[in-house]
Amino acid sequence: MTPSRRARRQLIASIMGALLLLPAAAVAQQGEALLRVVAPWEYSSNDPTDTGYILARMGIAETLVQVEPDGRLIGGVASGWTIDADKLTWRFTLRPGATFHDGSPITAAAVAASLKTAFEGESLSAVPFDRVAAEGEQVVIRTKTPFSVLPPFLTDYASVILAPSSFGSDGKVQKIVASGPYRITAIEGKAVIDLERFEGYARAKPAIAKARYTAVGNGDTRANIAVAGDADLVFTVAPTAIQRIDGAGQLKVESITIPRIRPIAFNSGLPQFEDVRVRRAISMAIDRAGIASAILRHPGSAATQLLPPLMKDWHDPSLPPIPHDVEGAKRLLTEAGWLPGADGIRAKGGTRLAAKMLTLSGRAELPVMATAIQAQLRQIGMEIAIEAGQSAIIPAAIRDGTMQMTMFARTYVNVPEVIATIVPDYTRERSTWGTMNWPGRERVKPLTDEYVSSFEETRKATLRREIMKIIHDEAPVIPVSWFEHTVAVSKRVDNVVIDPYEMRYLIDRVRFR
């Protein structure tokens, strides 16, 4: 794309974003307190398995269990829970007197009916679910086998609780009637949701009476909105825009490191990657510190292991940090039998050390990072061809067996229990996003099976260390950088809390200054 065409596209996107925000700005100018929230994600359907994360983040809907930014599990729709002696039967007590947005009571029968539709989400599909039922004022969930991590799994956005009036005669969600601190007053297309405070909310009511969610997919447009001061909270700010936003003085960017990573994954069944020494050499060749500083503009995001220190249970400080050692990487490749050819690219048994690396065009930094890594791997004698595409490109290549090497973004807290991502990514022959044909999965699976069934915290801590050491040492996936959750915050607002689990925007706690 030529610079002029790119500039025109950015200008058009900026105008469209501004037009979306005009009604909110106009209301604010008239003196009504309206909280303006901008984020990348469109509200494309009422199906919670699709867009439930927007409902949960904006405080429209609640799950049975919620997680606080410090990692503590708390009740959402539930006030508490217990497990029977059989280690299979969980009992959730509901908050007394709570109602849905339509005024109907939140009953155990209504919650159980809502949950029955929820166990098809990405994380909840891993639950050995047997049945859910209402018993008096309790919601009872029974699993087929002991599953000690059920409460954190129930924070999954697919399990937001909806009122019976939400569902049509076909059982599909027709409208959103939930129980959160805000309720929907209007939806405009896929881009705008208007909200008002739910006066019947059972817990502390929000300080701000009205809010508007606007989806703006273009990162440049979101940055321009923040520069102009046309929003109060702008989520997912590109690293390259931070200085410009802060310099404009309308909003200030705040960020925290979160358990989402930018990793490289391999098809370990290919001759290029079946030897762990090759995967380690690739990892050693990557200049993570340089990428974090020059491309991501945040030195602290350089990954030293799979998960950042924030995840205290899963970050193991005893694991040796991944070194940047080009000469050491070359020695490993030579030791593994990969020798330089006339063009500098290594080969072994007639196979060149070359691969196509798929990455995501929707995350602007990934193709840039991939290009930097391409040059760094060339230094050790490896040739990489980069193909950037939409998010479906990687799962499709894994399904049809054509995946060679990928670079993507992966969250480890779809629910606030890392095992929910470890299981699908590291225990299967073909994961959706992570490994492919990695023999180490046979060693990890019995450890994860024991982990989810164990109620002994000391044993679970040992299992976590064993799992992470195998992944760290064998490098089926190599972490390049951790993510920074970046939010541009207006001077108009106070008490903004950034959730490292990305479960909630916590706008019910925000106040105007």
Protein backbone atom coordinates (compact mmCIF):
# COMPACT_ATOMS: atom_id res chain seq x y z
CA MET A 1 0.00 0.00 0.00
CA THR A 2 1.42 3.42 -0.91
CA PRO A 3 1.80 6.08 1.82
CA SER A 4 -0.93 8.21 0.23
CA ARG A 5 -3.40 5.34 0.14
CA ARG A 6 -2.54 4.42 3.73
CA ALA A 7 -3.06 8.04 4.81
CA ARG A 8 -6.43 8.17 3.08
CA ARG A 9 -7.55 4.96 4.75
CA GLN A 10 -6.46 6.23 8.16
CA LEU A 11 -8.27 9.52 7.57
CA ILE A 12 -11.49 7.73 6.57
CA ALA A 13 -11.23 5.44 9.60
CA SER A 14 -10.67 8.44 11.86
CA ILE A 15 -13.73 10.22 10.47
CA MET A 16 -15.87 7.11 10.92
CA GLY A 17 -14.69 6.74 14.50
CA ALA A 18 -15.38 10.38 15.23
CA LEU A 19 -18.89 10.09 13.77
CA LEU A 20 -19.60 7.13 16.05
CA LEU A 21 -18.56 9.20 19.05
CA LEU A 22 -20.39 12.43 18.15
CA PRO A 23 -23.63 11.59 19.99
CA ALA A 24 -21.71 10.78 23.16
CA ALA A 25 -19.68 13.98 22.93
CA ALA A 26 -22.82 16.02 22.38
CA VAL A 27 -24.50 14.52 25.44
CA ALA A 28 -21.39 15.19 27.53
CA GLN A 29 -21.35 18.83 26.43
CA GLN A 30 -24.94 19.22 27.60
CA GLY A 31 -23.81 18.34 31.09
CA GLU A 32 -25.04 14.77 31.43
CA ALA A 33 -22.41 12.48 32.92
CA LEU A 34 -21.76 9.87 30.21
CA LEU A 35 -18.78 7.53 30.47
CA ARG A 36 -17.35 6.98 26.97
CA VAL A 37 -15.58 3.65 26.45
CA VAL A 38 -13.80 2.73 23.22
CA ALA A 39 -12.46 -0.75 22.44
CA PRO A 40 -11.62 -2.76 19.29
CA TRP A 41 -14.33 -5.42 19.43
CA GLU A 42 -17.66 -5.28 17.59
CA TYR A 43 -20.81 -6.59 19.20
CA SER A 44 -21.66 -9.03 16.43
CA SER A 45 -24.32 -11.18 18.10
CA ASN A 46 -26.24 -11.84 21.31
CA ASP A 47 -24.64 -15.28 21.68
CA PRO A 48 -22.55 -15.25 24.90
CA THR A 49 -20.14 -17.84 23.46
CA ASP A 50 -19.35 -15.22 20.81
CA THR A 51 -19.58 -11.82 22.51
CA GLY A 52 -20.06 -12.60 26.18
CA TYR A 53 -16.69 -11.00 26.91
CA ILE A 54 -18.12 -7.59 25.97
CA LEU A 55 -21.12 -8.17 28.24
CA ALA A 56 -18.84 -9.14 31.13
CA ARG A 57 -16.28 -6.39 30.56
CA MET A 58 -18.89 -3.66 30.43
CA GLY A 59 -20.65 -4.85 33.59
CA ILE A 60 -23.81 -5.84 31.73
CA ALA A 61 -23.76 -9.52 32.64
CA GLU A 62 -22.22 -11.49 35.48
CA THR A 63 -20.88 -15.00 35.78
CA LEU A 64 -21.55 -17.26 38.73
CA VAL A 65 -17.98 -16.64 39.96
CA GLN A 66 -15.77 -13.60 39.31
CA VAL A 67 -12.09 -12.82 39.73
CA GLU A 68 -10.64 -9.67 41.26
CA PRO A 69 -7.60 -7.96 39.69
CA ASP A 70 -5.44 -9.42 42.47
CA GLY A 71 -6.46 -12.95 41.48
CA ARG A 72 -8.96 -13.62 44.29
CA LEU A 73 -12.10 -15.51 43.30
CA ILE A 74 -15.28 -13.86 44.54
CA GLY A 75 -18.96 -14.49 44.05
CA GLY A 76 -20.69 -12.96 41.04
CA VAL A 77 -24.28 -14.10 40.81
CA ALA A 78 -23.32 -16.55 43.56
CA SER A 79 -22.47 -15.41 47.07
CA GLY A 80 -20.40 -18.50 47.81
CA TRP A 81 -19.88 -22.19 47.10
CA THR A 82 -18.97 -25.51 48.69
CA ILE A 83 -18.06 -28.98 47.47
CA ASP A 84 -19.45 -32.24 48.81
CA ALA A 85 -17.30 -35.03 50.21
CA ASP A 86 -17.58 -36.93 46.92
CA LYS A 87 -15.44 -34.21 45.23
CA LEU A 88 -17.92 -34.25 42.36
CA THR A 89 -20.83 -32.14 43.57
CA TRP A 90 -20.49 -28.35 43.82
CA ARG A 91 -23.16 -26.20 45.48
CA PHE A 92 -23.46 -22.49 44.69
CA THR A 93 -25.58 -20.26 46.92
CA LEU A 94 -27.10 -17.24 45.16
CA ARG A 95 -27.17 -13.68 46.42
CA PRO A 96 -30.43 -13.15 48.31
CA GLY A 97 -32.93 -10.74 46.80
CA ALA A 98 -31.03 -10.26 43.52
CA THR A 99 -33.00 -9.58 40.35
CA PHE A 100 -32.42 -9.50 36.62
CA HIS A 101 -32.67 -6.27 34.63
CA ASP A 102 -36.33 -7.01 33.82
CA GLY A 103 -37.15 -7.19 37.54
CA SER A 104 -37.57 -10.96 37.64
CA PRO A 105 -35.87 -12.76 40.55
CA ILE A 106 -32.56 -14.54 40.07
CA THR A 107 -33.55 -18.06 41.04
CA ALA A 108 -31.56 -21.26 41.09
CA ALA A 109 -33.80 -22.62 38.34
CA ALA A 110 -33.11 -19.59 36.10
CA VAL A 111 -29.35 -19.79 36.68
CA ALA A 112 -29.24 -23.53 36.04
CA ALA A 113 -31.19 -23.11 32.80
CA SER A 114 -28.80 -20.39 31.64
CA LEU A 115 -25.72 -22.45 32.51
CA LYS A 116 -26.93 -25.47 30.55
CA THR A 117 -26.36 -23.49 27.36
CA ALA A 118 -22.88 -22.38 28.42
CA PHE A 119 -20.78 -25.53 28.47
CA GLU A 120 -19.85 -25.19 24.81
CA GLY A 121 -17.36 -22.33 25.29
CA GLU A 122 -13.64 -22.76 24.61
CA SER A 123 -12.68 -23.16 28.27
CA LEU A 124 -15.86 -24.75 29.60
CA SER A 125 -15.64 -27.57 27.05
CA ALA A 126 -12.76 -28.94 29.15
CA VAL A 127 -14.99 -29.36 32.21
CA PRO A 128 -16.02 -33.03 32.73
CA PHE A 129 -19.58 -31.79 33.05
CA ASP A 130 -22.27 -34.19 34.18
CA ARG A 131 -25.29 -32.07 35.07
CA VAL A 132 -26.48 -28.77 36.48
CA ALA A 133 -29.69 -28.46 38.47
CA ALA A 134 -31.55 -26.30 40.93
CA GLU A 135 -31.92 -27.70 44.43
CA GLY A 136 -33.87 -25.28 46.58
CA GLU A 137 -31.99 -21.98 46.54
CA GLN A 138 -28.75 -23.55 45.37
CA VAL A 139 -27.34 -24.24 41.91
CA VAL A 140 -25.75 -27.69 41.91
CA ILE A 141 -23.13 -28.61 39.34
CA ARG A 142 -21.91 -32.18 39.21
CA THR A 143 -18.80 -33.33 37.33
CA LYS A 144 -18.11 -36.86 36.08
CA THR A 145 -14.65 -36.88 37.62
CA PRO A 146 -13.07 -34.73 40.36
CA PHE A 147 -12.35 -31.28 38.90
CA SER A 148 -10.80 -29.04 41.52
CA VAL A 149 -10.60 -25.98 39.25
CA LEU A 150 -14.32 -25.65 38.51
CA PRO A 151 -14.83 -22.25 40.26
CA PRO A 152 -12.22 -20.38 38.15
CA PHE A 153 -13.57 -22.05 35.02
CA LEU A 154 -16.98 -20.58 35.83
CA THR A 155 -15.62 -17.07 35.29
CA ASP A 156 -15.55 -17.86 31.55
CA TYR A 157 -17.55 -15.22 29.66
CA ALA A 158 -19.54 -17.92 27.87
CA SER A 159 -21.20 -18.68 31.20
CA VAL A 160 -22.69 -15.25 31.86
CA ILE A 161 -26.07 -15.67 33.48
CA LEU A 162 -29.09 -14.47 31.49
CA ALA A 163 -32.73 -14.19 32.51
CA PRO A 164 -35.35 -16.58 31.09
CA SER A 165 -36.74 -13.65 29.07
CA SER A 166 -33.47 -13.53 27.11
CA PHE A 167 -34.22 -16.77 25.30
CA GLY A 168 -36.58 -17.38 22.39
CA SER A 169 -38.72 -20.46 21.90
CA ASP A 170 -35.84 -22.08 20.01
CA GLY A 171 -33.55 -21.72 23.03
CA LYS A 172 -31.35 -19.09 21.36
CA VAL A 173 -30.59 -15.73 22.96
CA GLN A 174 -32.86 -13.08 21.45
CA LYS A 175 -32.00 -10.17 23.75
CA ILE A 176 -29.71 -9.50 26.69
CA VAL A 177 -31.45 -9.43 30.04
CA ALA A 178 -28.76 -9.99 32.63
CA SER A 179 -27.90 -8.98 36.20
CA GLY A 180 -24.84 -6.69 36.11
CA PRO A 181 -24.48 -3.15 37.47
CA TYR A 182 -25.37 -1.75 34.03
CA ARG A 183 -28.21 -2.64 31.69
CA ILE A 184 -28.51 -2.12 27.95
CA THR A 185 -30.78 0.71 26.77
CA ALA A 186 -29.91 0.63 23.06
CA ILE A 187 -27.70 -1.16 20.55
CA GLU A 188 -26.72 0.61 17.32
CA GLY A 189 -25.51 -1.87 14.73
CA LYS A 190 -22.39 -3.71 15.78
CA ALA A 191 -20.53 -0.69 17.03
CA VAL A 192 -22.43 1.10 19.81
CA ILE A 193 -24.06 -0.06 23.04
CA ASP A 194 -25.74 2.45 25.35
CA LEU A 195 -26.01 1.59 29.02
CA GLU A 196 -27.58 2.92 32.17
CA ARG A 197 -27.06 2.10 35.81
CA PHE A 198 -29.22 -0.79 37.03
CA GLU A 199 -30.92 0.66 40.06
CA GLY A 200 -31.95 -2.79 41.28
CA TYR A 201 -28.39 -4.07 41.43
CA ALA A 202 -27.83 -6.22 44.53
CA ARG A 203 -24.34 -4.92 45.31
CA ALA A 204 -22.73 -1.47 45.34
CA LYS A 205 -24.24 0.66 42.59
CA PRO A 206 -22.02 2.45 40.04
CA ALA A 207 -21.21 6.11 40.64
CA ILE A 208 -21.72 6.93 36.94
CA ALA A 209 -25.29 6.67 35.71
CA LYS A 210 -24.76 6.28 31.95
CA ALA A 211 -22.11 4.78 29.70
CA ARG A 212 -21.54 4.15 26.03
CA TYR A 213 -19.44 1.40 24.47
CA THR A 214 -18.09 2.10 20.99
CA ALA A 215 -16.26 -0.48 18.92
CA VAL A 216 -13.45 1.02 16.82
CA GLY A 217 -11.42 -1.70 15.18
CA ASN A 218 -8.74 0.49 13.64
CA GLY A 219 -5.87 1.13 16.06
CA ASP A 220 -4.92 4.44 14.45
CA THR A 221 -8.48 5.65 14.86
CA ARG A 222 -8.54 4.68 18.53
CA ALA A 223 -5.30 6.58 19.02
CA ASN A 224 -6.72 9.66 17.28
CA ILE A 225 -9.81 9.51 19.50
CA ALA A 226 -7.56 9.43 22.56
CA VAL A 227 -5.44 12.32 21.24
CA ALA A 228 -8.57 14.40 20.66
CA GLY A 229 -9.99 13.58 24.09
CA ASP A 230 -13.20 12.17 22.60
CA ALA A 231 -13.40 9.23 25.00
CA ASP A 232 -12.82 8.54 28.68
CA LEU A 233 -11.34 5.04 28.37
CA VAL A 234 -9.65 3.74 25.23
CA PHE A 235 -8.61 0.11 25.43
CA THR A 236 -5.82 -1.68 23.52
CA VAL A 237 -3.60 1.23 22.57
CA ALA A 238 -0.74 0.43 20.19
CA PRO A 239 2.73 0.88 21.72
CA THR A 240 3.71 3.27 18.92
CA ALA A 241 0.83 5.61 19.83
CA ILE A 242 1.56 5.98 23.54
CA GLN A 243 3.93 8.93 23.29
CA ARG A 244 1.57 10.81 20.95
CA ILE A 245 -1.43 10.25 23.24
CA ASP A 246 0.43 11.28 26.37
CA GLY A 247 1.87 14.30 24.59
CA ALA A 248 -1.58 15.56 23.57
CA GLY A 249 -2.49 15.85 27.25
CA GLN A 250 -6.16 14.80 27.01
CA LEU A 251 -5.69 11.18 28.08
CA LYS A 252 -2.79 9.37 29.70
CA VAL A 253 -1.86 5.80 28.86
CA GLU A 254 -1.66 3.35 31.75
CA SER A 255 -0.39 -0.20 31.31
CA ILE A 256 0.38 -3.41 33.17
CA THR A 257 2.05 -6.65 32.07
CA ILE A 258 -0.53 -9.39 31.65
CA PRO A 259 -0.46 -13.18 31.12
CA ARG A 260 -0.92 -12.92 27.37
CA ILE A 261 2.08 -13.79 25.24
CA ARG A 262 3.40 -13.45 21.72
CA PRO A 263 4.93 -16.90 21.10
CA ILE A 264 6.34 -18.88 18.20
CA ALA A 265 5.01 -22.43 17.84
CA PHE A 266 6.29 -25.31 15.73
CA ASN A 267 5.12 -28.42 13.97
CA SER A 268 7.53 -30.61 15.89
CA GLY A 269 6.88 -33.50 13.50
CA LEU A 270 8.79 -31.79 10.68
CA PRO A 271 12.48 -32.63 10.13
CA GLN A 272 13.37 -28.98 10.73
CA PHE A 273 11.87 -28.93 14.22
CA GLU A 274 11.80 -32.49 15.58
CA ASP A 275 15.15 -32.01 17.37
CA VAL A 276 14.81 -29.96 20.56
CA ARG A 277 18.26 -28.50 19.87
CA VAL A 278 16.88 -26.75 16.78
CA ARG A 279 13.98 -25.26 18.70
CA ARG A 280 16.33 -24.09 21.44
CA ALA A 281 18.70 -22.59 18.86
CA ILE A 282 15.85 -20.62 17.30
CA SER A 283 14.88 -19.37 20.75
CA MET A 284 18.48 -18.32 21.51
CA ALA A 285 18.78 -16.45 18.21
CA ILE A 286 15.88 -14.09 18.98
CA ASP A 287 16.80 -10.71 20.43
CA ARG A 288 13.82 -10.31 22.75
CA ALA A 289 15.19 -7.24 24.50
CA GLY A 290 15.75 -5.46 21.20
CA ILE A 291 12.25 -6.31 19.96
CA ALA A 292 10.68 -5.21 23.25
CA SER A 293 12.49 -1.86 23.18
CA ALA A 294 12.49 -0.96 19.48
CA ILE A 295 9.16 -2.41 18.32
CA LEU A 296 6.98 -2.75 21.40
CA ARG A 297 8.40 0.31 23.16
CA HIS A 298 8.32 -1.52 26.46
CA PRO A 299 11.55 -3.21 27.59
CA GLY A 300 9.78 -5.06 30.38
CA SER A 301 7.76 -7.11 27.91
CA ALA A 302 10.74 -9.27 26.83
CA ALA A 303 9.73 -12.79 27.88
CA THR A 304 12.17 -14.80 29.99
CA GLN A 305 9.77 -17.77 30.23
CA LEU A 306 6.23 -18.62 29.21
CA LEU A 307 4.37 -16.56 31.83
CA PRO A 308 5.22 -13.25 33.54
CA PRO A 309 5.92 -12.81 37.29
CA LEU A 310 2.33 -11.62 37.77
CA MET A 311 1.29 -15.28 37.57
CA LYS A 312 3.00 -16.19 40.83
CA ASP A 313 1.73 -19.77 40.86
CA TRP A 314 2.94 -20.52 37.32
CA HIS A 315 6.01 -18.28 36.93
CA ASP A 316 9.01 -20.24 38.19
CA PRO A 317 11.94 -17.96 39.15
CA SER A 318 14.25 -20.99 39.30
CA LEU A 319 13.98 -21.56 35.53
CA PRO A 320 16.99 -20.12 33.68
CA PRO A 321 16.07 -17.08 31.55
CA ILE A 322 16.18 -17.64 27.79
CA PRO A 323 19.53 -16.22 26.64
CA HIS A 324 20.22 -14.24 23.46
CA ASP A 325 23.27 -16.12 22.18
CA VAL A 326 23.75 -16.22 18.41
CA GLU A 327 27.03 -18.11 18.54
CA GLY A 328 25.59 -20.62 21.00
CA ALA A 329 22.63 -21.12 18.68
CA LYS A 330 24.98 -21.83 15.77
CA ARG A 331 26.86 -24.40 17.84
CA LEU A 332 23.62 -26.18 18.76
CA LEU A 333 22.57 -26.40 15.10
CA THR A 334 25.96 -27.76 14.07
CA GLU A 335 25.81 -30.29 16.90
CA ALA A 336 22.38 -31.37 15.63
CA GLY A 337 23.82 -31.95 12.14
CA TRP A 338 22.52 -28.83 10.42
CA LEU A 339 25.44 -27.48 8.39
CA PRO A 340 25.66 -24.23 6.36
CA GLY A 341 25.19 -24.47 2.59
CA ALA A 342 26.75 -22.32 -0.11
CA ASP A 343 24.03 -19.68 0.37
CA GLY A 344 24.46 -19.67 4.14
CA ILE A 345 21.26 -21.61 4.84
CA ARG A 346 21.81 -24.78 6.80
CA ALA A 347 20.70 -28.21 5.63
CA LYS A 348 20.63 -31.78 6.86
CA GLY A 349 19.97 -34.90 4.80
CA GLY A 350 18.80 -32.83 1.85
CA THR A 351 16.32 -30.76 3.93
CA ARG A 352 16.93 -27.04 4.18
CA LEU A 353 16.47 -25.32 7.52
CA ALA A 354 13.60 -23.26 6.16
CA ALA A 355 9.92 -22.77 6.99
CA LYS A 356 6.89 -20.61 6.35
CA MET A 357 5.87 -18.66 9.44
CA LEU A 358 2.21 -17.72 9.66
CA THR A 359 1.29 -14.64 11.68
CA LEU A 360 -1.69 -12.37 12.26
CA SER A 361 -2.25 -9.18 10.28
CA GLY A 362 -4.89 -8.05 12.76
CA ARG A 363 -2.23 -7.36 15.38
CA ALA A 364 -0.12 -4.65 13.85
CA GLU A 365 3.02 -5.43 15.83
CA LEU A 366 3.20 -9.13 14.88
CA PRO A 367 4.22 -8.78 11.19
CA VAL A 368 6.85 -6.21 12.25
CA MET A 369 8.17 -8.57 14.92
CA ALA A 370 8.14 -11.45 12.44
CA THR A 371 10.25 -9.44 10.01
CA ALA A 372 12.80 -8.70 12.74
CA ILE A 373 12.91 -12.38 13.71
CA GLN A 374 13.30 -13.36 10.06
CA ALA A 375 16.51 -11.31 9.92
CA GLN A 376 17.74 -12.67 13.26
CA LEU A 377 17.23 -16.30 12.22
CA ARG A 378 19.03 -15.64 8.96
CA GLN A 379 22.11 -14.95 11.10
CA ILE A 380 22.14 -18.56 12.31
CA GLY A 381 21.44 -20.02 8.87
CA MET A 382 17.66 -20.37 8.85
CA GLU A 383 15.36 -19.07 6.13
CA ILE A 384 11.87 -17.87 7.03
CA ALA A 385 9.06 -16.86 4.69
CA ILE A 386 6.35 -14.78 6.39
CA GLU A 387 2.65 -15.03 5.58
CA ALA A 388 0.30 -12.68 7.48
CA GLY A 389 -3.44 -13.23 7.50
CA GLN A 390 -6.61 -13.08 9.56
CA SER A 391 -6.95 -15.00 12.82
CA ALA A 392 -8.45 -18.10 11.16
CA ILE A 393 -5.27 -18.73 9.15
CA ILE A 394 -3.42 -20.46 12.00
CA PRO A 395 -6.14 -22.84 13.30
CA ALA A 396 -6.94 -23.75 9.68
CA ALA A 397 -3.30 -24.65 8.95
CA ILE A 398 -3.12 -26.75 12.11
CA ARG A 399 -6.33 -28.59 11.19
CA ASP A 400 -5.21 -29.42 7.66
CA GLY A 401 -1.65 -30.29 8.70
CA THR A 402 0.11 -27.59 6.68
CA MET A 403 1.32 -25.58 9.66
CA GLN A 404 5.10 -25.34 9.87
CA MET A 405 5.75 -22.42 12.19
CA THR A 406 3.49 -19.72 13.61
CA MET A 407 3.67 -16.48 15.57
CA PHE A 408 0.51 -15.31 17.26
CA ALA A 409 -1.01 -13.94 20.47
CA ARG A 410 -2.27 -16.24 23.20
CA THR A 411 -3.90 -15.48 26.52
CA TYR A 412 -3.34 -17.83 29.43
CA VAL A 413 -6.24 -16.51 31.45
CA ASN A 414 -9.37 -17.09 29.41
CA VAL A 415 -10.24 -18.15 32.93
CA PRO A 416 -8.04 -17.29 35.93
CA GLU A 417 -6.48 -20.75 35.95
CA VAL A 418 -3.60 -21.32 33.53
CA ILE A 419 -4.33 -25.03 33.26
CA ALA A 420 -7.32 -24.11 31.08
CA THR A 421 -4.88 -23.11 28.33
CA ILE A 422 -2.13 -25.61 29.11
CA VAL A 423 -4.46 -28.57 28.53
CA PRO A 424 -5.60 -27.71 24.98
CA ASP A 425 -2.22 -26.32 23.92
CA TYR A 426 0.22 -28.89 25.30
CA THR A 427 -1.57 -32.22 25.73
CA ARG A 428 -3.01 -32.81 22.26
CA GLU A 429 -1.49 -33.91 18.97
CA ARG A 430 -2.97 -30.82 17.34
CA SER A 431 -3.97 -27.84 19.42
CA THR A 432 -5.97 -24.91 18.11
CA TRP A 433 -3.18 -22.37 18.60
CA GLY A 434 -0.10 -23.96 20.09
CA THR A 435 1.84 -27.13 19.48
CA MET A 436 1.56 -29.73 16.74
CA ASN A 437 3.04 -33.24 16.80
CA TRP A 438 5.05 -32.54 19.95
CA PRO A 439 5.97 -35.86 21.63
CA GLY A 440 6.33 -34.15 25.01
CA ARG A 441 2.56 -33.99 25.25
CA GLU A 442 2.62 -37.59 26.44
CA ARG A 443 4.61 -36.48 29.50
CA VAL A 444 2.50 -33.39 30.19
CA LYS A 445 -0.95 -34.98 29.94
CA PRO A 446 -0.75 -37.21 33.04
CA LEU A 447 0.50 -34.21 34.99
CA THR A 448 -2.43 -32.03 33.88
CA ASP A 449 -4.89 -34.87 34.52
CA GLU A 450 -3.62 -35.17 38.07
CA TYR A 451 -3.59 -31.40 38.53
CA VAL A 452 -7.26 -30.83 37.70
CA SER A 453 -8.36 -33.73 39.89
CA SER A 454 -6.18 -32.90 42.89
CA PHE A 455 -7.43 -30.88 45.85
CA GLU A 456 -4.00 -30.89 47.55
CA GLU A 457 -2.41 -27.47 47.05
CA THR A 458 1.12 -28.67 47.87
CA ARG A 459 0.92 -31.39 45.23
CA LYS A 460 -0.55 -28.96 42.70
CA ALA A 461 2.37 -26.59 43.22
CA THR A 462 4.78 -29.43 42.44
CA LEU A 463 2.81 -30.35 39.33
CA ARG A 464 2.88 -26.74 38.11
CA ARG A 465 6.67 -26.66 38.38
CA GLU A 466 7.02 -29.97 36.54
CA ILE A 467 4.71 -28.88 33.72
CA MET A 468 6.41 -25.54 33.22
CA LYS A 469 9.90 -27.08 33.29
CA ILE A 470 9.03 -29.52 30.51
CA ILE A 471 7.61 -26.75 28.33
CA HIS A 472 10.56 -24.46 29.11
CA ASP A 473 13.23 -27.10 28.44
CA GLU A 474 11.73 -28.71 25.35
CA ALA A 475 10.54 -25.46 23.73
CA PRO A 476 7.53 -26.71 21.72
CA VAL A 477 6.46 -23.07 21.94
CA ILE A 478 8.95 -20.29 22.55
CA PRO A 479 7.76 -17.04 24.17
CA VAL A 480 9.00 -13.84 22.56
CA SER A 481 7.22 -11.17 24.58
CA TRP A 482 4.56 -10.69 27.17
CA PHE A 483 1.71 -8.28 26.53
CA GLU A 484 1.10 -4.93 28.09
CA HIS A 485 -2.58 -4.21 28.70
CA THR A 486 -2.69 -0.55 27.66
CA VAL A 487 -5.56 1.81 28.44
CA ALA A 488 -5.75 5.52 27.68
CA VAL A 489 -7.51 7.23 30.59
CA SER A 490 -9.18 10.65 30.51
CA LYS A 491 -8.46 13.32 33.10
CA ARG A 492 -12.22 13.45 33.69
CA VAL A 493 -12.27 10.09 35.46
CA ASP A 494 -10.82 8.61 38.62
CA ASN A 495 -10.55 5.21 40.30
CA VAL A 496 -9.80 3.33 37.07
CA VAL A 497 -8.59 -0.22 37.75
CA ILE A 498 -6.89 -2.22 34.99
CA ASP A 499 -7.77 -5.90 35.22
CA PRO A 500 -4.78 -8.10 34.26
CA TYR A 501 -7.19 -10.96 33.60
CA GLU A 502 -9.08 -8.84 31.04
CA MET A 503 -12.36 -10.11 32.47
CA ARG A 504 -13.89 -6.77 33.43
CA TYR A 505 -13.35 -3.10 32.67
CA LEU A 506 -14.71 -2.40 36.18
CA ILE A 507 -16.50 0.73 35.01
CA ASP A 508 -18.87 0.36 37.96
CA ARG A 509 -15.95 1.54 40.14
CA VAL A 510 -15.04 4.55 37.97
CA ARG A 511 -15.96 8.06 39.12
CA PHE A 512 -15.91 11.46 37.48
CA ARG A 513 -13.50 13.87 39.12
